[in-house]
């Protein structure tokens, strides 16, 4: 059996049905292996970066391993941004790169390159993968593939990369004679974790103003059922991070809303006035916790659960001293905590809930005035879109203002999922991500919300959508500039929009004409009053559709914390007379004690 065919059969054995490939001299045998394998299909993106992002999205929506193939040199390096998306969001993807033949490798000669398009792939990707290796001995292929697939899925998941020289790809092997990888046995919960759970129970029983933060780790550990069981048992206000904002429908009685630098005022008031914070599977990075880290929930006792010991160690290094850190898988912890709470009655925190409801009523994320303006308001667009999307809809959104507007204002329904490369936040992720998701979901319709700057990064993938007639509904929030960057320039650089506007050096095409050239039916909307009609038309159109939504250049994310400030500073709209400095930090006023 040819080694390249064995790689394809291995991917098939892992349940992978679609592999995103880009041809090149060192990847041809790998691609032919996919084509020769029953049950496997290769998809050709227009750029390796897009292929990596599609494989990442395929893994996110299926919960299975994603896969992408690229050639040596620039083909491999073009994968890098997509690999980072998977690494920082803990997504299991197997990347396979072709390499120059072993007899053309530079080795220790000191030259920069010997073989044509030779690049030291393993060195470049080592810091952004869980495992990376080059196959020089064909007998090691089974061991390395099994090891890589195991590591991609186990513990804190992430991408892996196998670099395969061209001559090794063509070698004949006998699969029955190949050594296997045998992982170490998984050890169950130890006594230290059980003791920590007992301590956590004691702390939460004492709380008067508790909040529960849930993060992406809950999804990764497939602990949704355990999490919802805990929600019901405790009755605590729930603050999901962006990555699991879709875990609770807008009508869920325990949902408070988004928090952090681009969250909601009421979400930040809740976390900053809490006396107890339980965070499960959330990294609590600077976007969520603000700056300095020591300012986050200053009056609260904090219990933080994470599977990554380094994530737990960072808090003290950056000035926060949690009362309890628990190094555990989210599902393992939630199971133990639910069991420990058996028979314990939920505490009456109605006064705390009453205060949170007042904040929510006073500071709505989408005031009525937004709908009354003539031009399209981005928050009005988000509300109109969420009102018309059905349950179980899959949504991909790009970075910048697009993701902030969506996650501040979108009202989720049951089963809806919203995906974004939350930690790498690469411009241009949403379109190739939608493509990967569409294949992973059996060609179900996918909604793609992107911005003009982000679309430019992977605009060539419009061709991939049309080539496969994918039912992707693209909504372009077109403000003719990089609005999130402009907002930072408003705050720090006297609103000089250098390199963030057309006047400042950017160039944009007529996106409607571009979409038409690729073969899309198009829709254009310029007024708030036309949003419902345009969105309904786009969603009811069979196959792909491109809807251009003209957003005013002056529209901004509001509220937003100025970069470098603590999250209780939500900008000039905050009523400082009501929310005094004492209200925002410990100690809290008597009315909340």
Protein backbone atom coordinates (compact mmCIF):
# COMPACT_ATOMS: atom_id res chain seq x y z
CA UNK A 1 0.00 0.00 0.00
CA UNK A 2 1.33 3.43 -0.88
CA UNK A 3 1.99 5.53 2.21
CA UNK A 4 -0.06 8.48 0.88
CA UNK A 5 -3.05 6.12 0.48
CA UNK A 6 -2.54 4.92 4.04
CA UNK A 7 -2.76 8.50 5.32
CA UNK A 8 -6.08 8.95 3.53
CA UNK A 9 -7.45 5.68 4.88
CA UNK A 10 -6.41 6.70 8.38
CA UNK A 11 -8.31 9.98 8.11
CA UNK A 12 -11.34 8.04 6.88
CA UNK A 13 -11.06 5.73 9.89
CA UNK A 14 -11.26 8.82 12.11
CA UNK A 15 -14.61 9.78 10.60
CA UNK A 16 -13.27 12.57 8.40
CA UNK A 17 -15.31 12.85 5.19
CA UNK A 18 -14.06 16.14 3.71
CA UNK A 19 -10.43 17.23 3.46
CA UNK A 20 -9.52 20.75 2.37
CA UNK A 21 -6.60 20.60 -0.04
CA UNK A 22 -4.49 22.87 -2.21
CA UNK A 23 -2.35 21.29 -4.90
CA UNK A 24 1.40 21.59 -5.25
CA UNK A 25 4.30 19.47 -6.34
CA UNK A 26 4.77 18.00 -2.86
CA UNK A 27 1.07 17.39 -2.11
CA UNK A 28 -0.13 15.59 -5.26
CA UNK A 29 0.25 12.05 -3.93
CA UNK A 30 -1.54 13.02 -0.69
CA UNK A 31 -4.46 14.46 -2.64
CA UNK A 32 -4.62 11.42 -4.92
CA UNK A 33 -4.79 9.27 -1.80
CA UNK A 34 -7.89 11.15 -0.68
CA UNK A 35 -9.47 10.72 -4.11
CA UNK A 36 -8.76 6.97 -4.07
CA UNK A 37 -10.37 6.41 -0.65
CA UNK A 38 -14.02 5.43 -0.39
CA UNK A 39 -16.13 7.85 1.59
CA UNK A 40 -13.63 10.70 1.28
CA UNK A 41 -14.01 13.93 -0.70
CA UNK A 42 -11.46 16.66 -1.21
CA UNK A 43 -12.51 20.31 -1.38
CA UNK A 44 -10.33 22.87 -3.17
CA UNK A 45 -10.25 26.31 -1.55
CA UNK A 46 -8.65 29.19 -3.44
CA UNK A 47 -5.97 29.74 -0.77
CA UNK A 48 -4.29 27.52 1.83
CA UNK A 49 -5.20 29.94 4.63
CA UNK A 50 -8.87 29.51 3.74
CA UNK A 51 -8.41 25.75 3.62
CA UNK A 52 -7.00 25.75 7.14
CA UNK A 53 -9.90 27.86 8.39
CA UNK A 54 -12.44 25.62 6.65
CA UNK A 55 -10.90 22.55 8.29
CA UNK A 56 -11.04 24.33 11.65
CA UNK A 57 -14.73 25.15 11.16
CA UNK A 58 -15.48 21.60 9.98
CA UNK A 59 -14.06 20.35 13.29
CA UNK A 60 -16.05 22.88 15.32
CA UNK A 61 -19.44 22.02 13.86
CA UNK A 62 -18.95 18.25 13.74
CA UNK A 63 -17.11 17.82 17.02
CA UNK A 64 -14.72 15.60 15.09
CA UNK A 65 -11.23 15.92 13.67
CA UNK A 66 -10.78 18.41 10.82
CA UNK A 67 -8.14 17.93 8.10
CA UNK A 68 -6.30 20.04 5.54
CA UNK A 69 -3.44 19.35 3.13
CA UNK A 70 -0.93 21.76 1.62
CA UNK A 71 2.31 21.52 -0.31
CA UNK A 72 5.78 22.46 0.91
CA UNK A 73 7.25 25.94 1.36
CA UNK A 74 4.71 28.73 0.79
CA UNK A 75 1.86 26.23 0.69
CA UNK A 76 2.69 25.16 4.24
CA UNK A 77 3.36 28.66 5.56
CA UNK A 78 0.05 29.89 4.13
CA UNK A 79 -1.66 27.55 6.61
CA UNK A 80 -0.22 29.38 9.60
CA UNK A 81 -3.02 31.84 10.42
CA UNK A 82 -5.64 29.08 10.21
CA UNK A 83 -3.51 26.82 12.40
CA UNK A 84 -3.35 29.63 14.98
CA UNK A 85 -7.16 29.88 14.94
CA UNK A 86 -7.38 26.20 15.87
CA UNK A 87 -4.57 26.37 18.43
CA UNK A 88 -5.84 29.33 20.44
CA UNK A 89 -9.43 28.05 20.41
CA UNK A 90 -8.43 24.43 21.19
CA UNK A 91 -9.86 22.89 18.02
CA UNK A 92 -8.68 19.40 16.92
CA UNK A 93 -7.40 19.64 13.33
CA UNK A 94 -4.83 17.48 11.55
CA UNK A 95 -2.73 19.40 9.05
CA UNK A 96 -0.62 17.41 6.61
CA UNK A 97 2.05 19.13 4.55
CA UNK A 98 4.12 17.80 1.71
CA UNK A 99 7.87 18.30 1.96
CA UNK A 100 10.79 18.01 -0.42
CA UNK A 101 12.23 14.52 -0.79
CA UNK A 102 14.45 13.35 2.07
CA UNK A 103 17.55 13.40 -0.17
CA UNK A 104 16.88 17.11 -0.86
CA UNK A 105 16.58 18.18 2.79
CA UNK A 106 19.22 20.72 3.87
CA UNK A 107 19.96 18.87 7.10
CA UNK A 108 22.76 20.46 9.15
CA UNK A 109 24.58 22.04 6.21
CA UNK A 110 23.81 25.56 7.37
CA UNK A 111 22.27 26.61 4.06
CA UNK A 112 18.89 28.26 4.12
CA UNK A 113 17.37 25.94 1.54
CA UNK A 114 18.54 23.02 -0.58
CA UNK A 115 15.43 21.43 -2.09
CA UNK A 116 13.08 23.54 -4.19
CA UNK A 117 10.48 25.18 -1.92
CA UNK A 118 12.06 23.58 1.15
CA UNK A 119 10.99 25.20 4.42
CA UNK A 120 11.58 24.03 8.00
CA UNK A 121 7.88 23.46 8.66
CA UNK A 122 8.27 21.67 11.98
CA UNK A 123 10.27 24.58 13.41
CA UNK A 124 7.75 27.19 12.25
CA UNK A 125 4.66 25.41 13.57
CA UNK A 126 6.05 24.04 16.82
CA UNK A 127 4.77 26.89 18.99
CA UNK A 128 1.19 26.81 17.61
CA UNK A 129 0.46 23.08 17.51
CA UNK A 130 0.09 20.40 20.16
CA UNK A 131 2.33 18.10 18.14
CA UNK A 132 4.38 18.44 14.97
CA UNK A 133 6.72 15.97 13.32
CA UNK A 134 8.32 15.01 10.02
CA UNK A 135 8.03 11.45 8.72
CA UNK A 136 11.41 10.20 7.54
CA UNK A 137 10.94 6.51 8.36
CA UNK A 138 7.83 5.15 6.55
CA UNK A 139 7.42 2.48 9.21
CA UNK A 140 6.56 5.21 11.73
CA UNK A 141 3.54 6.56 9.85
CA UNK A 142 0.91 4.61 11.79
CA UNK A 143 2.46 5.47 15.15
CA UNK A 144 2.73 9.17 14.30
CA UNK A 145 -0.77 9.48 12.86
CA UNK A 146 -2.34 7.70 15.83
CA UNK A 147 -0.32 9.78 18.28
CA UNK A 148 -1.20 13.03 16.52
CA UNK A 149 -4.92 12.21 16.35
CA UNK A 150 -4.95 11.26 20.02
CA UNK A 151 -3.17 14.42 21.13
CA UNK A 152 -5.40 16.60 18.94
CA UNK A 153 -8.47 15.40 20.84
CA UNK A 154 -7.21 14.73 24.36
CA UNK A 155 -6.80 17.09 27.31
CA UNK A 156 -7.03 20.62 25.98
CA UNK A 157 -7.55 19.87 22.26
CA UNK A 158 -5.68 21.56 19.46
CA UNK A 159 -4.12 21.23 16.00
CA UNK A 160 -1.34 18.84 15.02
CA UNK A 161 0.84 18.80 11.90
CA UNK A 162 2.51 15.95 10.04
CA UNK A 163 5.19 16.90 7.48
CA UNK A 164 5.69 14.16 4.86
CA UNK A 165 8.56 14.28 2.32
CA UNK A 166 7.56 13.53 -1.25
CA UNK A 167 9.60 10.34 -1.60
CA UNK A 168 8.19 8.98 1.68
CA UNK A 169 4.64 9.57 0.41
CA UNK A 170 5.35 7.25 -2.54
CA UNK A 171 6.90 4.42 -0.52
CA UNK A 172 5.14 1.06 -0.18
CA UNK A 173 4.21 -0.11 3.32
CA UNK A 174 2.40 -3.05 4.91
CA UNK A 175 -0.09 -1.61 7.41
CA UNK A 176 -0.14 -4.84 9.39
CA UNK A 177 3.56 -4.56 10.19
CA UNK A 178 3.51 -0.97 11.43
CA UNK A 179 4.03 -0.18 15.14
CA UNK A 180 1.04 1.38 16.91
CA UNK A 181 0.73 4.24 19.38
CA UNK A 182 -0.68 3.25 22.77
CA UNK A 183 -1.64 6.21 24.99
CA UNK A 184 -1.15 6.18 28.73
CA UNK A 185 -4.28 5.20 30.69
CA UNK A 186 -6.55 8.07 31.73
CA UNK A 187 -6.57 8.65 35.47
CA UNK A 188 -9.87 9.62 37.11
CA UNK A 189 -10.54 12.46 39.53
CA UNK A 190 -8.04 12.50 42.38
CA UNK A 191 -8.65 13.33 46.01
CA UNK A 192 -7.28 16.88 45.54
CA UNK A 193 -10.02 17.73 43.03
CA UNK A 194 -12.69 16.23 45.28
CA UNK A 195 -11.43 18.30 48.21
CA UNK A 196 -11.44 21.43 46.02
CA UNK A 197 -15.06 20.75 45.06
CA UNK A 198 -15.98 20.58 48.74
CA UNK A 199 -14.28 23.94 49.29
CA UNK A 200 -16.15 25.37 46.31
CA UNK A 201 -19.47 24.20 47.77
CA UNK A 202 -18.69 25.92 51.07
CA UNK A 203 -17.87 29.20 49.32
CA UNK A 204 -20.94 29.23 47.10
CA UNK A 205 -23.21 28.46 50.07
CA UNK A 206 -21.93 31.64 51.76
CA UNK A 207 -22.51 33.85 48.69
CA UNK A 208 -25.13 36.60 48.66
CA UNK A 209 -24.36 37.99 45.19
CA UNK A 210 -22.99 35.05 43.17
CA UNK A 211 -22.41 34.81 39.42
CA UNK A 212 -21.49 31.80 37.31
CA UNK A 213 -19.18 32.24 34.32
CA UNK A 214 -19.07 29.49 31.70
CA UNK A 215 -16.58 29.33 28.84
CA UNK A 216 -15.53 27.40 25.76
CA UNK A 217 -14.05 24.63 27.90
CA UNK A 218 -17.59 23.50 28.76
CA UNK A 219 -18.23 22.89 25.06
CA UNK A 220 -14.85 21.25 24.50
CA UNK A 221 -15.44 18.74 27.29
CA UNK A 222 -18.97 18.06 26.00
CA UNK A 223 -20.33 19.08 29.39
CA UNK A 224 -23.45 20.96 28.26
CA UNK A 225 -25.84 18.62 30.08
CA UNK A 226 -23.84 18.85 33.31
CA UNK A 227 -23.72 22.64 32.97
CA UNK A 228 -27.48 22.99 32.50
CA UNK A 229 -28.04 20.69 35.46
CA UNK A 230 -25.90 23.03 37.57
CA UNK A 231 -27.74 26.11 36.25
CA UNK A 232 -31.06 24.68 37.37
CA UNK A 233 -29.73 23.52 40.72
CA UNK A 234 -28.06 26.80 41.73
CA UNK A 235 -30.24 29.47 40.11
CA UNK A 236 -27.22 31.77 39.88
CA UNK A 237 -26.96 34.61 37.33
CA UNK A 238 -25.07 33.23 34.33
CA UNK A 239 -22.47 35.18 32.39
CA UNK A 240 -21.31 33.21 29.32
CA UNK A 241 -18.14 34.15 27.50
CA UNK A 242 -18.46 34.96 23.80
CA UNK A 243 -17.59 31.42 22.75
CA UNK A 244 -20.62 29.95 24.56
CA UNK A 245 -22.97 32.91 24.29
CA UNK A 246 -25.19 30.61 22.21
CA UNK A 247 -25.47 28.06 25.02
CA UNK A 248 -28.45 29.87 26.53
CA UNK A 249 -31.44 31.18 24.61
CA UNK A 250 -32.38 34.83 25.03
CA UNK A 251 -35.45 33.76 27.04
CA UNK A 252 -33.48 31.73 29.59
CA UNK A 253 -34.41 33.12 33.03
CA UNK A 254 -30.85 32.87 34.41
CA UNK A 255 -29.05 34.58 31.53
CA UNK A 256 -27.55 37.97 32.37
CA UNK A 257 -25.60 38.67 29.19
CA UNK A 258 -22.16 39.33 27.81
CA UNK A 259 -19.45 40.87 29.98
CA UNK A 260 -15.94 42.16 29.35
CA UNK A 261 -14.45 45.02 27.36
CA UNK A 262 -17.06 44.58 24.59
CA UNK A 263 -19.84 43.24 26.79
CA UNK A 264 -22.94 44.86 28.26
CA UNK A 265 -23.12 47.37 31.08
CA UNK A 266 -25.42 45.15 33.13
CA UNK A 267 -23.15 42.14 32.60
CA UNK A 268 -20.15 44.06 33.86
CA UNK A 269 -22.08 45.61 36.76
CA UNK A 270 -23.10 42.12 37.81
CA UNK A 271 -19.63 40.63 37.76
CA UNK A 272 -18.02 43.68 39.34
CA UNK A 273 -20.52 43.75 42.21
CA UNK A 274 -20.57 40.00 42.83
CA UNK A 275 -19.27 38.59 46.09
CA UNK A 276 -18.65 35.15 44.56
CA UNK A 277 -17.53 34.18 41.05
CA UNK A 278 -17.37 30.59 39.84
CA UNK A 279 -15.67 30.40 36.43
CA UNK A 280 -15.66 27.08 34.58
CA UNK A 281 -13.72 26.55 31.35
CA UNK A 282 -13.06 30.25 30.71
CA UNK A 283 -9.57 31.69 30.30
CA UNK A 284 -10.62 35.11 31.61
CA UNK A 285 -8.22 36.91 29.31
CA UNK A 286 -7.87 40.68 29.18
CA UNK A 287 -10.85 41.04 26.83
CA UNK A 288 -13.10 39.31 29.37
CA UNK A 289 -11.54 40.51 32.61
CA UNK A 290 -10.24 43.95 31.60
CA UNK A 291 -6.99 45.57 32.62
CA UNK A 292 -5.39 45.29 35.08
CA UNK A 293 -6.43 41.73 35.83
CA UNK A 294 -6.51 42.56 39.54
CA UNK A 295 -9.50 44.86 38.89
CA UNK A 296 -11.75 41.98 37.86
CA UNK A 297 -14.50 41.23 40.41
CA UNK A 298 -12.42 42.87 43.12
CA UNK A 299 -14.92 42.30 45.89
CA UNK A 300 -15.60 38.65 45.06
CA UNK A 301 -14.22 35.36 46.17
CA UNK A 302 -13.16 33.65 42.97
CA UNK A 303 -13.08 29.95 42.09
CA UNK A 304 -11.57 29.24 38.66
CA UNK A 305 -11.65 25.84 36.94
CA UNK A 306 -9.51 25.06 33.89
CA UNK A 307 -7.94 22.01 32.27
CA UNK A 308 -4.76 23.95 31.45
CA UNK A 309 -2.49 24.43 34.47
CA UNK A 310 -0.67 27.29 32.75
CA UNK A 311 -3.91 29.23 32.35
CA UNK A 312 -4.50 28.90 36.10
CA UNK A 313 -0.94 29.95 36.95
CA UNK A 314 -1.19 33.15 34.93
CA UNK A 315 -3.65 34.83 37.29
CA UNK A 316 -1.24 35.34 40.16
CA UNK A 317 1.51 36.27 37.70
CA UNK A 318 -0.68 39.11 36.41
CA UNK A 319 -1.93 40.40 39.74
CA UNK A 320 -5.11 38.41 40.46
CA UNK A 321 -5.17 36.02 43.39
CA UNK A 322 -8.13 33.65 43.06
CA UNK A 323 -9.36 32.11 46.29
CA UNK A 324 -9.37 28.66 44.69
CA UNK A 325 -8.02 27.29 41.40
CA UNK A 326 -9.04 23.81 40.30
CA UNK A 327 -7.04 22.01 37.64
CA UNK A 328 -9.69 19.77 36.10
CA UNK A 329 -11.66 18.99 32.98
CA UNK A 330 -14.91 20.96 32.95
CA UNK A 331 -17.09 17.88 32.64
CA UNK A 332 -15.29 16.10 35.45
CA UNK A 333 -15.62 19.13 37.73
CA UNK A 334 -19.28 19.81 36.92
CA UNK A 335 -20.19 16.18 37.53
CA UNK A 336 -18.49 16.20 40.93
CA UNK A 337 -20.01 19.56 41.86
CA UNK A 338 -23.54 18.50 40.90
CA UNK A 339 -23.16 15.36 43.00
CA UNK A 340 -21.82 17.38 45.94
CA UNK A 341 -24.84 19.71 45.78
CA UNK A 342 -27.36 16.88 46.02
CA UNK A 343 -29.82 17.64 48.81
CA UNK A 344 -28.63 21.22 49.30
CA UNK A 345 -31.37 23.80 48.83
CA UNK A 346 -30.74 26.77 46.56
CA UNK A 347 -30.17 30.03 48.42
CA UNK A 348 -32.62 32.93 48.14
CA UNK A 349 -30.82 35.59 46.09
CA UNK A 350 -33.95 37.41 44.89
CA UNK A 351 -32.63 40.81 46.04
CA UNK A 352 -29.51 40.33 43.93
CA UNK A 353 -31.61 39.31 40.94
CA UNK A 354 -33.78 42.37 41.45
CA UNK A 355 -30.76 44.65 41.19
CA UNK A 356 -29.53 42.93 38.02
CA UNK A 357 -32.98 43.31 36.42
CA UNK A 358 -32.88 47.05 37.17
CA UNK A 359 -29.52 47.33 35.38
CA UNK A 360 -30.85 45.41 32.39
CA UNK A 361 -33.89 47.67 32.11
CA UNK A 362 -31.90 50.89 32.53
CA UNK A 363 -29.19 50.05 29.99
CA UNK A 364 -30.69 48.10 27.06
CA UNK A 365 -28.17 47.10 24.41
CA UNK A 366 -30.42 48.31 21.60
CA UNK A 367 -32.40 51.43 22.55
CA UNK A 368 -35.52 52.27 20.56
CA UNK A 369 -33.73 55.30 19.08
CA UNK A 370 -31.56 52.93 17.03
CA UNK A 371 -34.60 51.66 15.12
CA UNK A 372 -35.90 55.16 14.54
CA UNK A 373 -32.90 56.38 12.54
CA UNK A 374 -33.20 56.27 8.75
CA UNK A 375 -29.84 54.73 7.87
CA UNK A 376 -29.04 51.17 8.92
CA UNK A 377 -28.04 50.87 12.55
CA UNK A 378 -25.88 47.78 13.14
CA UNK A 379 -27.71 46.87 16.34
CA UNK A 380 -31.02 47.13 14.52
CA UNK A 381 -29.60 44.78 11.87
CA UNK A 382 -28.58 42.25 14.53
CA UNK A 383 -32.00 42.35 16.16
CA UNK A 384 -33.73 42.00 12.80
CA UNK A 385 -31.52 39.08 11.82
CA UNK A 386 -31.98 37.24 15.12
CA UNK A 387 -35.75 37.70 14.88
CA UNK A 388 -35.85 35.91 11.52
CA UNK A 389 -33.38 33.08 11.98
CA UNK A 390 -34.89 29.73 12.90
CA UNK A 391 -33.86 27.36 15.68
CA UNK A 392 -30.71 25.27 15.14
CA UNK A 393 -29.30 27.81 12.68
CA UNK A 394 -25.51 27.84 12.22
CA UNK A 395 -23.93 31.32 12.10
CA UNK A 396 -20.35 32.38 11.37
CA UNK A 397 -19.24 35.91 12.11
CA UNK A 398 -16.03 37.81 11.40
CA UNK A 399 -13.92 39.89 13.73
CA UNK A 400 -14.01 43.59 14.51
CA UNK A 401 -17.30 45.40 14.99
CA UNK A 402 -19.24 42.56 13.35
CA UNK A 403 -18.60 40.07 16.15
CA UNK A 404 -19.04 42.70 18.89
CA UNK A 405 -22.40 43.87 17.52
CA UNK A 406 -23.58 40.28 17.07
CA UNK A 407 -22.59 39.03 20.51
CA UNK A 408 -23.87 42.09 22.34
CA UNK A 409 -27.30 42.16 20.71
CA UNK A 410 -28.18 38.80 19.11
CA UNK A 411 -31.12 37.00 20.73
CA UNK A 412 -30.35 33.29 20.50
CA UNK A 413 -33.00 30.65 19.99
CA UNK A 414 -32.80 26.98 20.95
CA UNK A 415 -30.09 25.06 19.16
CA UNK A 416 -28.57 28.03 17.35
CA UNK A 417 -24.77 28.07 17.21
CA UNK A 418 -22.54 31.04 16.54
CA UNK A 419 -18.93 30.43 15.55
CA UNK A 420 -15.94 32.74 15.43
CA UNK A 421 -12.21 32.30 15.89
CA UNK A 422 -12.60 33.87 19.29
CA UNK A 423 -8.98 34.12 20.40
CA UNK A 424 -7.01 34.59 17.19
CA UNK A 425 -9.81 36.77 15.70
CA UNK A 426 -8.35 36.70 12.20
CA UNK A 427 -9.95 38.96 9.64
CA UNK A 428 -11.45 36.81 6.90
CA UNK A 429 -12.34 33.74 9.00
CA UNK A 430 -16.12 33.79 8.56
CA UNK A 431 -16.37 33.01 4.84
CA UNK A 432 -14.04 29.96 4.73
CA UNK A 433 -15.42 28.96 8.11
CA UNK A 434 -18.93 28.95 6.65
CA UNK A 435 -17.69 26.76 3.79
CA UNK A 436 -16.16 24.20 6.14
CA UNK A 437 -19.29 24.21 8.29
CA UNK A 438 -21.58 23.76 5.30
CA UNK A 439 -19.76 20.58 4.29
CA UNK A 440 -19.56 19.36 7.89
CA UNK A 441 -23.31 19.83 8.34
CA UNK A 442 -24.33 18.01 5.17
CA UNK A 443 -24.84 21.21 3.15
CA UNK A 444 -27.30 22.73 5.58
CA UNK A 445 -27.75 26.51 5.14
CA UNK A 446 -25.18 28.62 6.99
CA UNK A 447 -25.37 32.35 7.75
CA UNK A 448 -22.16 34.34 7.31
CA UNK A 449 -21.88 37.84 8.81
CA UNK A 450 -18.72 39.63 7.75
CA UNK A 451 -17.30 43.12 7.35
CA UNK A 452 -15.82 44.82 4.31
CA UNK A 453 -12.28 44.64 5.66
CA UNK A 454 -12.63 41.00 6.67
CA UNK A 455 -14.20 39.92 3.39
CA UNK A 456 -11.25 41.36 1.49
CA UNK A 457 -8.92 38.94 3.29
CA UNK A 458 -10.53 35.86 1.74
CA UNK A 459 -12.80 37.28 -0.94
CA UNK A 460 -11.52 34.67 -3.39
CA UNK A 461 -13.54 32.04 -1.51
CA UNK A 462 -16.70 33.41 -3.07
CA UNK A 463 -15.64 31.22 -5.98
CA UNK A 464 -15.62 28.13 -3.73
CA UNK A 465 -19.17 28.86 -2.57
CA UNK A 466 -20.42 29.13 -6.16
CA UNK A 467 -18.36 26.14 -7.37
CA UNK A 468 -20.18 23.89 -4.89
CA UNK A 469 -23.49 25.81 -4.87
CA UNK A 470 -23.36 26.02 -1.09
CA UNK A 471 -26.43 27.52 0.64
CA UNK A 472 -24.43 30.20 2.45
CA UNK A 473 -26.27 33.46 3.15
CA UNK A 474 -23.63 36.20 3.25
CA UNK A 475 -24.46 39.47 5.01
CA UNK A 476 -21.79 42.11 4.44
CA UNK A 477 -21.80 44.88 7.06
CA UNK A 478 -20.31 47.46 4.75
CA UNK A 479 -19.09 50.64 6.45
CA UNK A 480 -16.30 51.27 3.94
CA UNK A 481 -13.55 51.10 6.54
CA UNK A 482 -12.11 49.35 9.57
CA UNK A 483 -14.54 50.68 12.17
CA UNK A 484 -13.11 48.90 15.20
CA UNK A 485 -9.69 50.36 14.43
CA UNK A 486 -11.27 53.78 13.90
CA UNK A 487 -12.87 53.48 17.34
CA UNK A 488 -9.44 52.98 18.86
CA UNK A 489 -8.17 55.97 16.87
CA UNK A 490 -11.09 57.98 18.25
CA UNK A 491 -9.94 57.12 21.76
CA UNK A 492 -6.20 57.59 21.39
CA UNK A 493 -5.24 59.29 18.12
CA UNK A 494 -7.57 62.27 17.64
CA UNK A 495 -9.75 60.40 15.10
CA UNK A 496 -7.07 60.36 12.43
CA UNK A 497 -8.19 57.32 10.46
CA UNK A 498 -4.83 56.41 8.97
CA UNK A 499 -4.83 52.97 7.27
CA UNK A 500 -8.41 52.40 8.47
CA UNK A 501 -10.47 54.43 5.96
CA UNK A 502 -10.55 55.13 2.25
CA UNK A 503 -9.27 58.63 2.94
CA UNK A 504 -6.56 57.10 5.10
CA UNK A 505 -5.25 54.73 2.43
CA UNK A 506 -7.68 51.79 2.10
CA UNK A 507 -9.26 50.70 -1.16
CA UNK A 508 -12.51 48.78 -1.57
CA UNK A 509 -14.28 47.42 -4.65
CA UNK A 510 -17.96 47.59 -5.45
CA UNK A 511 -18.82 44.43 -3.50
CA UNK A 512 -22.17 43.96 -5.19
CA UNK A 513 -20.52 43.94 -8.61
CA UNK A 514 -17.83 41.55 -7.36
CA UNK A 515 -20.45 39.18 -5.95
CA UNK A 516 -22.40 39.30 -9.21
CA UNK A 517 -19.21 38.53 -11.14
CA UNK A 518 -18.72 35.40 -9.05
CA UNK A 519 -22.33 34.39 -9.76
CA UNK A 520 -24.21 35.38 -6.60
CA UNK A 521 -27.76 36.70 -6.56
CA UNK A 522 -27.44 40.00 -4.69
CA UNK A 523 -29.50 42.20 -2.38
CA UNK A 524 -28.73 45.75 -1.28
CA UNK A 525 -30.17 47.41 1.82
CA UNK A 526 -29.51 51.01 2.86
CA UNK A 527 -32.33 51.84 5.30
CA UNK A 528 -33.40 50.53 8.68
CA UNK A 529 -36.97 50.26 7.41
CA UNK A 530 -35.86 47.79 4.71
CA UNK A 531 -33.95 45.38 6.97
CA UNK A 532 -36.80 42.94 7.62
CA UNK A 533 -37.62 42.64 3.92
CA UNK A 534 -33.99 42.24 2.81
CA UNK A 535 -33.15 39.67 5.47
CA UNK A 536 -36.29 37.65 4.73
CA UNK A 537 -35.47 37.70 1.02
CA UNK A 538 -31.90 36.54 1.62
CA UNK A 539 -32.93 33.71 3.91
CA UNK A 540 -35.66 32.48 1.55
CA UNK A 541 -33.39 32.46 -1.52
CA UNK A 542 -32.35 28.95 -2.55
CA UNK A 543 -28.60 28.36 -2.60
CA UNK A 544 -26.02 31.10 -2.00
CA UNK A 545 -26.93 34.76 -1.72
CA UNK A 546 -24.98 37.98 -1.07
CA UNK A 547 -26.65 40.80 0.88
CA UNK A 548 -24.83 44.13 1.12
CA UNK A 549 -25.87 46.08 4.24
CA UNK A 550 -24.76 49.70 4.10
CA UNK A 551 -23.65 50.81 7.58
CA UNK A 552 -22.78 54.41 8.38
CA UNK A 553 -19.06 55.06 8.77
CA UNK A 554 -19.65 56.70 12.15
CA UNK A 555 -21.35 53.65 13.72
CA UNK A 556 -19.40 52.23 16.65
CA UNK A 557 -19.55 49.47 19.24
CA UNK A 558 -21.35 50.80 22.30
CA UNK A 559 -20.68 50.15 25.07
CA UNK A 560 -16.97 49.47 24.82
CA UNK A 561 -14.26 49.85 27.44
CA UNK A 562 -11.37 52.04 26.39
CA UNK A 563 -8.31 49.85 25.82
CA UNK A 564 -6.31 49.40 29.02
CA UNK A 565 -9.16 50.33 31.40
CA UNK A 566 -10.98 48.09 33.90
CA UNK A 567 -14.30 46.68 32.70
CA UNK A 568 -16.42 48.77 35.07
CA UNK A 569 -15.45 51.79 32.93
CA UNK A 570 -18.08 51.50 30.21
CA UNK A 571 -17.65 54.99 28.80
CA UNK A 572 -19.50 58.31 28.95
CA UNK A 573 -23.03 56.85 28.94
CA UNK A 574 -22.48 55.42 32.42
CA UNK A 575 -24.48 57.35 35.02
CA UNK A 576 -21.78 58.02 37.60
CA UNK A 577 -24.24 59.68 39.99
CA UNK A 578 -26.13 56.44 40.45
CA UNK A 579 -23.19 54.07 40.10
CA UNK A 580 -20.68 55.62 42.46
CA UNK A 581 -17.12 54.42 42.76
CA UNK A 582 -18.08 52.43 45.85
CA UNK A 583 -20.78 50.68 43.85
CA UNK A 584 -18.30 49.41 41.32
CA UNK A 585 -15.66 47.97 43.63
CA UNK A 586 -15.60 46.36 47.03
CA UNK A 587 -16.98 47.16 49.49
CA UNK A 588 -20.50 47.25 48.07
CA UNK A 589 -23.23 49.55 49.39
CA UNK A 590 -25.64 48.49 52.13
CA UNK A 591 -28.48 48.13 49.63
CA UNK A 592 -26.72 45.09 48.16
CA UNK A 593 -25.38 43.54 51.34
